[in-house]
Every structure is written in C-alpha cells, then in structure tokens.
Amino acid sequence: YTGFLGGSVWILFVNLLIFLVIRTYPQQHVELKKLWLPLVLIIVP
C-alpha cells in the first residue's frame, strides 16, 4: 500500500516521538511511561 517510503516515514516518526520524550534530559527526569505512544506506533504496524 505504501511502498518502501512508507517504512521511511515509520522510522522517522518513531524516532521523533522518542526524542520528544527524552529531550528534557538532564534538566528534567525522563518519564519512561511516556514512551507508550512510540511503542504503540512500533507494535501496531
């Protein structure tokens, strides 16, 4: 349905979401529970 560029979007989007979770480190403690969204976006596809 998407071709291999669909895989590129998938990789980039998950990378971005993970970064947004950890971007405040070390000024703020990283809440690992916030990784649930990128984890879902890995598992569902």
All heavy atoms as atom14 arrays in JSON, in Angstrom:
{
  "sequence": "YTGFLGGSVWILFVNLLIFLVIRTYPQQHVELKKLWLPLVLIIVP",
  "atom14_mask": [
    [1, 1, 1, 1, 1, 1, 1, 1, 1, 1, 1, 1, 0, 0],
    [1, 1, 1, 1, 1, 1, 1, 0, 0, 0, 0, 0, 0, 0],
    [1, 1, 1, 1, 0, 0, 0, 0, 0, 0, 0, 0, 0, 0],
    [1, 1, 1, 1, 1, 1, 1, 1, 1, 1, 1, 0, 0, 0],
    [1, 1, 1, 1, 1, 1, 1, 1, 0, 0, 0, 0, 0, 0],
    [1, 1, 1, 1, 0, 0, 0, 0, 0, 0, 0, 0, 0, 0],
    [1, 1, 1, 1, 0, 0, 0, 0, 0, 0, 0, 0, 0, 0],
    [1, 1, 1, 1, 1, 1, 0, 0, 0, 0, 0, 0, 0, 0],
    [1, 1, 1, 1, 1, 1, 1, 0, 0, 0, 0, 0, 0, 0],
    [1, 1, 1, 1, 1, 1, 1, 1, 1, 1, 1, 1, 1, 1],
    [1, 1, 1, 1, 1, 1, 1, 1, 0, 0, 0, 0, 0, 0],
    [1, 1, 1, 1, 1, 1, 1, 1, 0, 0, 0, 0, 0, 0],
    [1, 1, 1, 1, 1, 1, 1, 1, 1, 1, 1, 0, 0, 0],
    [1, 1, 1, 1, 1, 1, 1, 0, 0, 0, 0, 0, 0, 0],
    [1, 1, 1, 1, 1, 1, 1, 1, 0, 0, 0, 0, 0, 0],
    [1, 1, 1, 1, 1, 1, 1, 1, 0, 0, 0, 0, 0, 0],
    [1, 1, 1, 1, 1, 1, 1, 1, 0, 0, 0, 0, 0, 0],
    [1, 1, 1, 1, 1, 1, 1, 1, 0, 0, 0, 0, 0, 0],
    [1, 1, 1, 1, 1, 1, 1, 1, 1, 1, 1, 0, 0, 0],
    [1, 1, 1, 1, 1, 1, 1, 1, 0, 0, 0, 0, 0, 0],
    [1, 1, 1, 1, 1, 1, 1, 0, 0, 0, 0, 0, 0, 0],
    [1, 1, 1, 1, 1, 1, 1, 1, 0, 0, 0, 0, 0, 0],
    [1, 1, 1, 1, 1, 1, 1, 1, 1, 1, 1, 0, 0, 0],
    [1, 1, 1, 1, 1, 1, 1, 0, 0, 0, 0, 0, 0, 0],
    [1, 1, 1, 1, 1, 1, 1, 1, 1, 1, 1, 1, 0, 0],
    [1, 1, 1, 1, 1, 1, 1, 0, 0, 0, 0, 0, 0, 0],
    [1, 1, 1, 1, 1, 1, 1, 1, 1, 0, 0, 0, 0, 0],
    [1, 1, 1, 1, 1, 1, 1, 1, 1, 0, 0, 0, 0, 0],
    [1, 1, 1, 1, 1, 1, 1, 1, 1, 1, 0, 0, 0, 0],
    [1, 1, 1, 1, 1, 1, 1, 0, 0, 0, 0, 0, 0, 0],
    [1, 1, 1, 1, 1, 1, 1, 1, 1, 0, 0, 0, 0, 0],
    [1, 1, 1, 1, 1, 1, 1, 1, 0, 0, 0, 0, 0, 0],
    [1, 1, 1, 1, 1, 1, 1, 1, 1, 0, 0, 0, 0, 0],
    [1, 1, 1, 1, 1, 1, 1, 1, 1, 0, 0, 0, 0, 0],
    [1, 1, 1, 1, 1, 1, 1, 1, 0, 0, 0, 0, 0, 0],
    [1, 1, 1, 1, 1, 1, 1, 1, 1, 1, 1, 1, 1, 1],
    [1, 1, 1, 1, 1, 1, 1, 1, 0, 0, 0, 0, 0, 0],
    [1, 1, 1, 1, 1, 1, 1, 0, 0, 0, 0, 0, 0, 0],
    [1, 1, 1, 1, 1, 1, 1, 1, 0, 0, 0, 0, 0, 0],
    [1, 1, 1, 1, 1, 1, 1, 0, 0, 0, 0, 0, 0, 0],
    [1, 1, 1, 1, 1, 1, 1, 1, 0, 0, 0, 0, 0, 0],
    [1, 1, 1, 1, 1, 1, 1, 1, 0, 0, 0, 0, 0, 0],
    [1, 1, 1, 1, 1, 1, 1, 1, 0, 0, 0, 0, 0, 0],
    [1, 1, 1, 1, 1, 1, 1, 0, 0, 0, 0, 0, 0, 0],
    [1, 1, 1, 1, 1, 1, 1, 0, 0, 0, 0, 0, 0, 0]
  ],
  "atom14_positions": [
    [[0.81, -1.22, 0.0], [0.0, 0.0, 0.0], [0.85, 1.27, 0.0], [0.44, 2.29, -0.58], [-0.92, 0.02, 1.22], [-1.88, -1.14, 1.26], [-1.64, -2.23, 2.08], [-3.02, -1.16, 0.46], [-2.51, -3.31, 2.12], [-3.9, -2.24, 0.48], [-3.63, -3.32, 1.31], [-4.49, -4.39, 1.34], [0.0, 0.0, 0.0], [0.0, 0.0, 0.0]],
    [[2.0, 1.25, 0.64], [2.78, 2.47, 0.81], [4.09, 2.5, 0.03], [4.66, 3.57, -0.16], [3.14, 2.67, 2.29], [4.09, 1.66, 2.69], [1.91, 2.6, 3.19], [0.0, 0.0, 0.0], [0.0, 0.0, 0.0], [0.0, 0.0, 0.0], [0.0, 0.0, 0.0], [0.0, 0.0, 0.0], [0.0, 0.0, 0.0], [0.0, 0.0, 0.0]],
    [[4.58, 1.33, -0.38], [5.93, 1.28, -0.91], [6.94, 1.45, 0.21], [6.59, 1.67, 1.38], [0.0, 0.0, 0.0], [0.0, 0.0, 0.0], [0.0, 0.0, 0.0], [0.0, 0.0, 0.0], [0.0, 0.0, 0.0], [0.0, 0.0, 0.0], [0.0, 0.0, 0.0], [0.0, 0.0, 0.0], [0.0, 0.0, 0.0], [0.0, 0.0, 0.0]],
    [[8.23, 1.36, -0.13], [9.24, 1.38, 0.92], [9.42, 2.74, 1.59], [9.94, 2.83, 2.69], [10.57, 0.82, 0.45], [11.31, 1.61, -0.61], [12.69, 1.59, -0.64], [10.65, 2.34, -1.57], [13.4, 2.29, -1.61], [11.35, 3.05, -2.54], [12.71, 3.02, -2.56], [0.0, 0.0, 0.0], [0.0, 0.0, 0.0], [0.0, 0.0, 0.0]],
    [[8.94, 3.82, 0.96], [8.99, 5.11, 1.62], [8.02, 5.18, 2.79], [8.19, 6.01, 3.69], [8.71, 6.24, 0.62], [9.81, 6.49, -0.42], [9.51, 7.76, -1.22], [11.18, 6.6, 0.22], [0.0, 0.0, 0.0], [0.0, 0.0, 0.0], [0.0, 0.0, 0.0], [0.0, 0.0, 0.0], [0.0, 0.0, 0.0], [0.0, 0.0, 0.0]],
    [[7.02, 4.32, 2.8], [6.17, 4.2, 3.98], [6.98, 3.74, 5.18], [6.75, 4.18, 6.31], [0.0, 0.0, 0.0], [0.0, 0.0, 0.0], [0.0, 0.0, 0.0], [0.0, 0.0, 0.0], [0.0, 0.0, 0.0], [0.0, 0.0, 0.0], [0.0, 0.0, 0.0], [0.0, 0.0, 0.0], [0.0, 0.0, 0.0], [0.0, 0.0, 0.0]],
    [[7.94, 2.87, 4.95], [8.85, 2.44, 6.01], [9.73, 3.58, 6.48], [10.03, 3.69, 7.68], [0.0, 0.0, 0.0], [0.0, 0.0, 0.0], [0.0, 0.0, 0.0], [0.0, 0.0, 0.0], [0.0, 0.0, 0.0], [0.0, 0.0, 0.0], [0.0, 0.0, 0.0], [0.0, 0.0, 0.0], [0.0, 0.0, 0.0], [0.0, 0.0, 0.0]],
    [[10.14, 4.46, 5.57], [10.94, 5.62, 5.96], [10.15, 6.54, 6.89], [10.67, 7.0, 7.91], [11.37, 6.4, 4.71], [12.2, 5.62, 3.87], [0.0, 0.0, 0.0], [0.0, 0.0, 0.0], [0.0, 0.0, 0.0], [0.0, 0.0, 0.0], [0.0, 0.0, 0.0], [0.0, 0.0, 0.0], [0.0, 0.0, 0.0], [0.0, 0.0, 0.0]],
    [[8.89, 6.8, 6.54], [8.04, 7.64, 7.4], [7.89, 7.01, 8.78], [7.97, 7.7, 9.81], [6.67, 7.86, 6.75], [5.73, 8.6, 7.71], [6.81, 8.64, 5.45], [0.0, 0.0, 0.0], [0.0, 0.0, 0.0], [0.0, 0.0, 0.0], [0.0, 0.0, 0.0], [0.0, 0.0, 0.0], [0.0, 0.0, 0.0], [0.0, 0.0, 0.0]],
    [[7.68, 5.71, 8.81], [7.52, 4.98, 10.08], [8.75, 5.16, 10.98], [8.64, 5.51, 12.16], [7.29, 3.51, 9.76], [6.91, 2.62, 10.9], [6.24, 2.97, 12.03], [7.18, 1.23, 10.99], [6.06, 1.86, 12.84], [6.63, 0.78, 12.22], [7.81, 0.3, 10.17], [6.7, -0.55, 12.64], [7.87, -1.02, 10.58], [7.33, -1.44, 11.8]],
    [[9.91, 4.95, 10.42], [11.16, 5.08, 11.19], [11.34, 6.5, 11.71], [11.63, 6.73, 12.89], [12.36, 4.67, 10.31], [12.36, 3.17, 10.06], [13.68, 5.1, 10.95], [13.35, 2.71, 9.0], [0.0, 0.0, 0.0], [0.0, 0.0, 0.0], [0.0, 0.0, 0.0], [0.0, 0.0, 0.0], [0.0, 0.0, 0.0], [0.0, 0.0, 0.0]],
    [[11.15, 7.49, 10.85], [11.38, 8.88, 11.23], [10.38, 9.34, 12.29], [10.75, 10.06, 13.24], [11.29, 9.77, 9.99], [12.38, 9.54, 8.94], [11.99, 10.19, 7.63], [13.72, 10.08, 9.41], [0.0, 0.0, 0.0], [0.0, 0.0, 0.0], [0.0, 0.0, 0.0], [0.0, 0.0, 0.0], [0.0, 0.0, 0.0], [0.0, 0.0, 0.0]],
    [[9.13, 8.94, 12.15], [8.09, 9.37, 13.08], [8.36, 8.8, 14.48], [8.27, 9.52, 15.48], [6.72, 8.92, 12.57], [5.56, 9.53, 13.29], [5.64, 10.81, 13.83], [4.37, 8.83, 13.43], [4.56, 11.38, 14.5], [3.29, 9.38, 14.1], [3.38, 10.66, 14.63], [0.0, 0.0, 0.0], [0.0, 0.0, 0.0], [0.0, 0.0, 0.0]],
    [[8.72, 7.53, 14.56], [9.01, 6.92, 15.85], [10.25, 7.56, 16.47], [10.28, 7.84, 17.68], [9.18, 5.39, 15.71], [9.66, 4.78, 17.03], [7.87, 4.74, 15.28], [0.0, 0.0, 0.0], [0.0, 0.0, 0.0], [0.0, 0.0, 0.0], [0.0, 0.0, 0.0], [0.0, 0.0, 0.0], [0.0, 0.0, 0.0], [0.0, 0.0, 0.0]],
    [[11.28, 7.8, 15.68], [12.47, 8.49, 16.18], [12.11, 9.84, 16.8], [12.58, 10.19, 17.89], [13.48, 8.71, 15.05], [14.48, 7.6, 14.91], [15.53, 7.59, 15.56], [14.16, 6.63, 14.07], [0.0, 0.0, 0.0], [0.0, 0.0, 0.0], [0.0, 0.0, 0.0], [0.0, 0.0, 0.0], [0.0, 0.0, 0.0], [0.0, 0.0, 0.0]],
    [[11.27, 10.59, 16.11], [10.87, 11.91, 16.59], [10.11, 11.82, 17.91], [10.36, 12.59, 18.85], [10.03, 12.61, 15.53], [9.56, 14.03, 15.85], [10.75, 14.95, 16.11], [8.7, 14.57, 14.71], [0.0, 0.0, 0.0], [0.0, 0.0, 0.0], [0.0, 0.0, 0.0], [0.0, 0.0, 0.0], [0.0, 0.0, 0.0], [0.0, 0.0, 0.0]],
    [[9.19, 10.87, 18.01], [8.41, 10.72, 19.23], [9.29, 10.32, 20.42], [9.12, 10.82, 21.53], [7.31, 9.68, 19.03], [6.18, 10.09, 18.07], [5.19, 8.95, 17.91], [5.46, 11.34, 18.58], [0.0, 0.0, 0.0], [0.0, 0.0, 0.0], [0.0, 0.0, 0.0], [0.0, 0.0, 0.0], [0.0, 0.0, 0.0], [0.0, 0.0, 0.0]],
    [[10.24, 9.42, 20.17], [11.16, 9.02, 21.26], [11.99, 10.22, 21.7], [12.18, 10.45, 22.91], [12.05, 7.86, 20.81], [11.22, 6.58, 20.57], [13.14, 7.59, 21.84], [12.0, 5.43, 20.01], [0.0, 0.0, 0.0], [0.0, 0.0, 0.0], [0.0, 0.0, 0.0], [0.0, 0.0, 0.0], [0.0, 0.0, 0.0], [0.0, 0.0, 0.0]],
    [[12.47, 10.99, 20.75], [13.26, 12.17, 21.1], [12.45, 13.15, 21.94], [12.95, 13.71, 22.93], [13.76, 12.87, 19.83], [14.19, 14.28, 20.06], [15.36, 14.56, 20.76], [13.42, 15.34, 19.61], [15.76, 15.87, 20.99], [13.81, 16.65, 19.83], [14.98, 16.92, 20.53], [0.0, 0.0, 0.0], [0.0, 0.0, 0.0], [0.0, 0.0, 0.0]],
    [[11.19, 13.38, 21.57], [10.37, 14.33, 22.31], [10.15, 13.9, 23.75], [9.91, 14.74, 24.63], [9.03, 14.52, 21.59], [9.11, 15.23, 20.23], [7.75, 15.27, 19.55], [9.68, 16.63, 20.37], [0.0, 0.0, 0.0], [0.0, 0.0, 0.0], [0.0, 0.0, 0.0], [0.0, 0.0, 0.0], [0.0, 0.0, 0.0], [0.0, 0.0, 0.0]],
    [[10.23, 12.6, 24.01], [10.1, 12.11, 25.38], [11.36, 12.4, 26.19], [11.29, 12.78, 27.36], [9.78, 10.6, 25.4], [9.85, 10.04, 26.82], [8.41, 10.34, 24.79], [0.0, 0.0, 0.0], [0.0, 0.0, 0.0], [0.0, 0.0, 0.0], [0.0, 0.0, 0.0], [0.0, 0.0, 0.0], [0.0, 0.0, 0.0], [0.0, 0.0, 0.0]],
    [[12.54, 12.24, 25.59], [13.79, 12.33, 26.35], [14.49, 13.68, 26.18], [15.55, 13.89, 26.75], [14.75, 11.18, 25.95], [15.15, 11.27, 24.46], [14.11, 9.83, 26.22], [16.45, 11.91, 24.18], [0.0, 0.0, 0.0], [0.0, 0.0, 0.0], [0.0, 0.0, 0.0], [0.0, 0.0, 0.0], [0.0, 0.0, 0.0], [0.0, 0.0, 0.0]],
    [[13.91, 14.6, 25.44], [14.6, 15.83, 25.07], [14.93, 16.73, 26.26], [15.82, 17.57, 26.19], [13.8, 16.61, 24.03], [12.47, 17.16, 24.54], [11.64, 17.7, 23.39], [12.21, 18.91, 22.87], [11.62, 20.12, 22.98], [10.46, 20.24, 23.6], [12.19, 21.18, 22.46], [0.0, 0.0, 0.0], [0.0, 0.0, 0.0], [0.0, 0.0, 0.0]],
    [[14.21, 16.59, 27.38], [14.44, 17.47, 28.53], [15.55, 16.97, 29.43], [15.91, 17.65, 30.4], [13.15, 17.61, 29.35], [12.72, 16.3, 29.77], [12.05, 18.25, 28.53], [0.0, 0.0, 0.0], [0.0, 0.0, 0.0], [0.0, 0.0, 0.0], [0.0, 0.0, 0.0], [0.0, 0.0, 0.0], [0.0, 0.0, 0.0], [0.0, 0.0, 0.0]],
    [[16.12, 15.81, 29.13], [17.19, 15.28, 29.97], [18.49, 16.06, 29.69], [18.76, 16.4, 28.54], [17.41, 13.79, 29.66], [18.44, 13.16, 30.57], [18.07, 12.68, 31.82], [19.78, 13.11, 30.21], [19.03, 12.14, 32.67], [20.74, 12.57, 31.05], [20.34, 12.09, 32.29], [21.28, 11.56, 33.14], [0.0, 0.0, 0.0], [0.0, 0.0, 0.0]],
    [[19.31, 16.42, 30.71], [19.21, 16.03, 32.12], [18.53, 17.06, 33.01], [18.51, 16.9, 34.22], [20.68, 15.88, 32.51], [21.36, 16.95, 31.71], [20.61, 17.03, 30.41], [0.0, 0.0, 0.0], [0.0, 0.0, 0.0], [0.0, 0.0, 0.0], [0.0, 0.0, 0.0], [0.0, 0.0, 0.0], [0.0, 0.0, 0.0], [0.0, 0.0, 0.0]],
    [[17.98, 18.13, 32.38], [17.36, 19.17, 33.2], [16.15, 18.62, 33.97], [15.87, 19.04, 35.09], [16.91, 20.35, 32.33], [18.06, 21.17, 31.77], [18.72, 20.52, 30.57], [18.14, 19.6, 29.99], [19.92, 20.97, 30.22], [0.0, 0.0, 0.0], [0.0, 0.0, 0.0], [0.0, 0.0, 0.0], [0.0, 0.0, 0.0], [0.0, 0.0, 0.0]],
    [[15.43, 17.7, 33.33], [14.27, 17.09, 33.97], [14.37, 15.58, 33.88], [14.97, 15.03, 32.95], [12.97, 17.56, 33.3], [12.72, 19.06, 33.39], [11.45, 19.45, 32.67], [10.57, 18.64, 32.47], [11.37, 20.73, 32.28], [0.0, 0.0, 0.0], [0.0, 0.0, 0.0], [0.0, 0.0, 0.0], [0.0, 0.0, 0.0], [0.0, 0.0, 0.0]],
    [[13.75, 14.92, 34.86], [13.74, 13.46, 34.86], [12.86, 12.95, 33.72], [11.77, 13.47, 33.48], [13.2, 12.95, 36.21], [13.12, 11.46, 36.29], [14.25, 10.66, 36.31], [12.05, 10.62, 36.31], [13.89, 9.39, 36.37], [12.55, 9.34, 36.38], [0.0, 0.0, 0.0], [0.0, 0.0, 0.0], [0.0, 0.0, 0.0], [0.0, 0.0, 0.0]],
    [[13.33, 11.95, 33.02], [12.58, 11.37, 31.9], [11.54, 10.39, 32.45], [11.87, 9.46, 33.2], [13.52, 10.65, 30.93], [12.71, 9.95, 29.83], [14.5, 11.63, 30.31], [0.0, 0.0, 0.0], [0.0, 0.0, 0.0], [0.0, 0.0, 0.0], [0.0, 0.0, 0.0], [0.0, 0.0, 0.0], [0.0, 0.0, 0.0], [0.0, 0.0, 0.0]],
    [[10.29, 10.6, 32.08], [9.21, 9.69, 32.48], [9.08, 8.61, 31.4], [8.53, 8.85, 30.33], [7.9, 10.45, 32.65], [7.93, 11.49, 33.77], [6.58, 12.16, 33.95], [5.57, 11.44, 33.99], [6.54, 13.39, 34.05], [0.0, 0.0, 0.0], [0.0, 0.0, 0.0], [0.0, 0.0, 0.0], [0.0, 0.0, 0.0], [0.0, 0.0, 0.0]],
    [[9.59, 7.43, 31.73], [9.61, 6.34, 30.75], [8.2, 5.93, 30.32], [8.02, 5.4, 29.22], [10.37, 5.15, 31.31], [11.87, 5.39, 31.58], [12.51, 4.13, 32.14], [12.58, 5.82, 30.3], [0.0, 0.0, 0.0], [0.0, 0.0, 0.0], [0.0, 0.0, 0.0], [0.0, 0.0, 0.0], [0.0, 0.0, 0.0], [0.0, 0.0, 0.0]],
    [[7.2, 6.19, 31.19], [5.84, 5.79, 30.83], [5.34, 6.56, 29.6], [4.4, 6.12, 28.93], [4.9, 6.0, 32.0], [4.73, 7.44, 32.45], [3.8, 7.53, 33.64], [3.61, 8.99, 34.08], [2.71, 9.08, 35.25], [0.0, 0.0, 0.0], [0.0, 0.0, 0.0], [0.0, 0.0, 0.0], [0.0, 0.0, 0.0], [0.0, 0.0, 0.0]],
    [[5.99, 7.7, 29.32], [5.59, 8.46, 28.14], [6.03, 7.8, 26.84], [5.65, 8.26, 25.76], [6.15, 9.88, 28.22], [5.52, 10.72, 29.31], [6.06, 12.14, 29.3], [5.41, 13.0, 30.36], [5.94, 14.39, 30.36], [0.0, 0.0, 0.0], [0.0, 0.0, 0.0], [0.0, 0.0, 0.0], [0.0, 0.0, 0.0], [0.0, 0.0, 0.0]],
    [[6.84, 6.76, 26.93], [7.25, 6.03, 25.73], [6.16, 5.12, 25.19], [6.37, 4.42, 24.2], [8.51, 5.21, 26.03], [9.81, 6.01, 26.23], [10.91, 5.1, 26.73], [10.23, 6.7, 24.94], [0.0, 0.0, 0.0], [0.0, 0.0, 0.0], [0.0, 0.0, 0.0], [0.0, 0.0, 0.0], [0.0, 0.0, 0.0], [0.0, 0.0, 0.0]],
    [[5.0, 5.12, 25.83], [3.95, 4.2, 25.39], [3.5, 4.5, 23.95], [3.21, 3.59, 23.18], [2.73, 4.28, 26.33], [1.97, 5.58, 26.25], [2.16, 6.7, 26.99], [0.89, 5.87, 25.34], [1.29, 7.69, 26.61], [0.49, 7.21, 25.6], [0.23, 5.17, 24.34], [-0.53, 7.84, 24.91], [-0.79, 5.79, 23.64], [-1.16, 7.1, 23.93]],
    [[3.46, 5.8, 23.58], [2.98, 6.13, 22.23], [3.94, 5.64, 21.14], [3.49, 4.96, 20.2], [2.76, 7.64, 22.1], [2.23, 8.11, 20.74], [0.94, 7.39, 20.36], [2.02, 9.63, 20.75], [0.0, 0.0, 0.0], [0.0, 0.0, 0.0], [0.0, 0.0, 0.0], [0.0, 0.0, 0.0], [0.0, 0.0, 0.0], [0.0, 0.0, 0.0]],
    [[5.25, 5.95, 21.22], [6.14, 5.37, 20.19], [6.15, 3.86, 20.2], [6.28, 3.24, 19.14], [7.52, 5.95, 20.53], [7.41, 6.52, 21.89], [5.99, 6.89, 22.1], [0.0, 0.0, 0.0], [0.0, 0.0, 0.0], [0.0, 0.0, 0.0], [0.0, 0.0, 0.0], [0.0, 0.0, 0.0], [0.0, 0.0, 0.0], [0.0, 0.0, 0.0]],
    [[5.99, 3.25, 21.39], [5.95, 1.8, 21.45], [4.73, 1.25, 20.72], [4.82, 0.26, 19.98], [5.95, 1.34, 22.91], [6.12, -0.16, 23.16], [7.46, -0.65, 22.59], [6.02, -0.48, 24.65], [0.0, 0.0, 0.0], [0.0, 0.0, 0.0], [0.0, 0.0, 0.0], [0.0, 0.0, 0.0], [0.0, 0.0, 0.0], [0.0, 0.0, 0.0]],
    [[3.6, 1.91, 20.9], [2.38, 1.5, 20.19], [2.56, 1.66, 18.68], [2.14, 0.81, 17.89], [1.17, 2.33, 20.67], [-0.03, 2.15, 19.73], [0.78, 1.9, 22.09], [0.0, 0.0, 0.0], [0.0, 0.0, 0.0], [0.0, 0.0, 0.0], [0.0, 0.0, 0.0], [0.0, 0.0, 0.0], [0.0, 0.0, 0.0], [0.0, 0.0, 0.0]],
    [[3.22, 2.76, 18.29], [3.41, 3.02, 16.87], [4.45, 2.08, 16.24], [4.56, 2.02, 15.02], [3.82, 4.47, 16.64], [2.69, 5.48, 16.87], [3.2, 6.9, 16.73], [1.55, 5.25, 15.88], [0.0, 0.0, 0.0], [0.0, 0.0, 0.0], [0.0, 0.0, 0.0], [0.0, 0.0, 0.0], [0.0, 0.0, 0.0], [0.0, 0.0, 0.0]],
    [[5.21, 1.4, 17.05], [6.08, 0.33, 16.54], [5.28, -0.97, 16.43], [5.32, -1.65, 15.4], [7.3, 0.13, 17.46], [8.24, 1.33, 17.4], [8.07, -1.14, 17.05], [9.38, 1.29, 18.41], [0.0, 0.0, 0.0], [0.0, 0.0, 0.0], [0.0, 0.0, 0.0], [0.0, 0.0, 0.0], [0.0, 0.0, 0.0], [0.0, 0.0, 0.0]],
    [[4.53, -1.29, 17.47], [3.88, -2.6, 17.56], [2.71, -2.73, 16.6], [2.56, -3.76, 15.92], [3.41, -2.85, 19.01], [4.63, -3.01, 19.93], [2.52, -4.1, 19.09], [4.28, -3.12, 21.39], [0.0, 0.0, 0.0], [0.0, 0.0, 0.0], [0.0, 0.0, 0.0], [0.0, 0.0, 0.0], [0.0, 0.0, 0.0], [0.0, 0.0, 0.0]],
    [[1.87, -1.69, 16.49], [0.65, -1.8, 15.69], [0.95, -2.1, 14.21], [0.36, -3.03, 13.64], [-0.23, -0.54, 15.85], [-1.36, -0.54, 14.81], [-0.81, -0.48, 17.25], [0.0, 0.0, 0.0], [0.0, 0.0, 0.0], [0.0, 0.0, 0.0], [0.0, 0.0, 0.0], [0.0, 0.0, 0.0], [0.0, 0.0, 0.0], [0.0, 0.0, 0.0]],
    [[1.85, -1.36, 13.53], [2.14, -1.72, 12.13], [2.71, -3.13, 11.98], [2.44, -3.8, 10.97], [3.16, -0.66, 11.7], [2.89, 0.51, 12.59], [2.52, -0.09, 13.91], [0.0, 0.0, 0.0], [0.0, 0.0, 0.0], [0.0, 0.0, 0.0], [0.0, 0.0, 0.0], [0.0, 0.0, 0.0], [0.0, 0.0, 0.0], [0.0, 0.0, 0.0]]
  ]
}
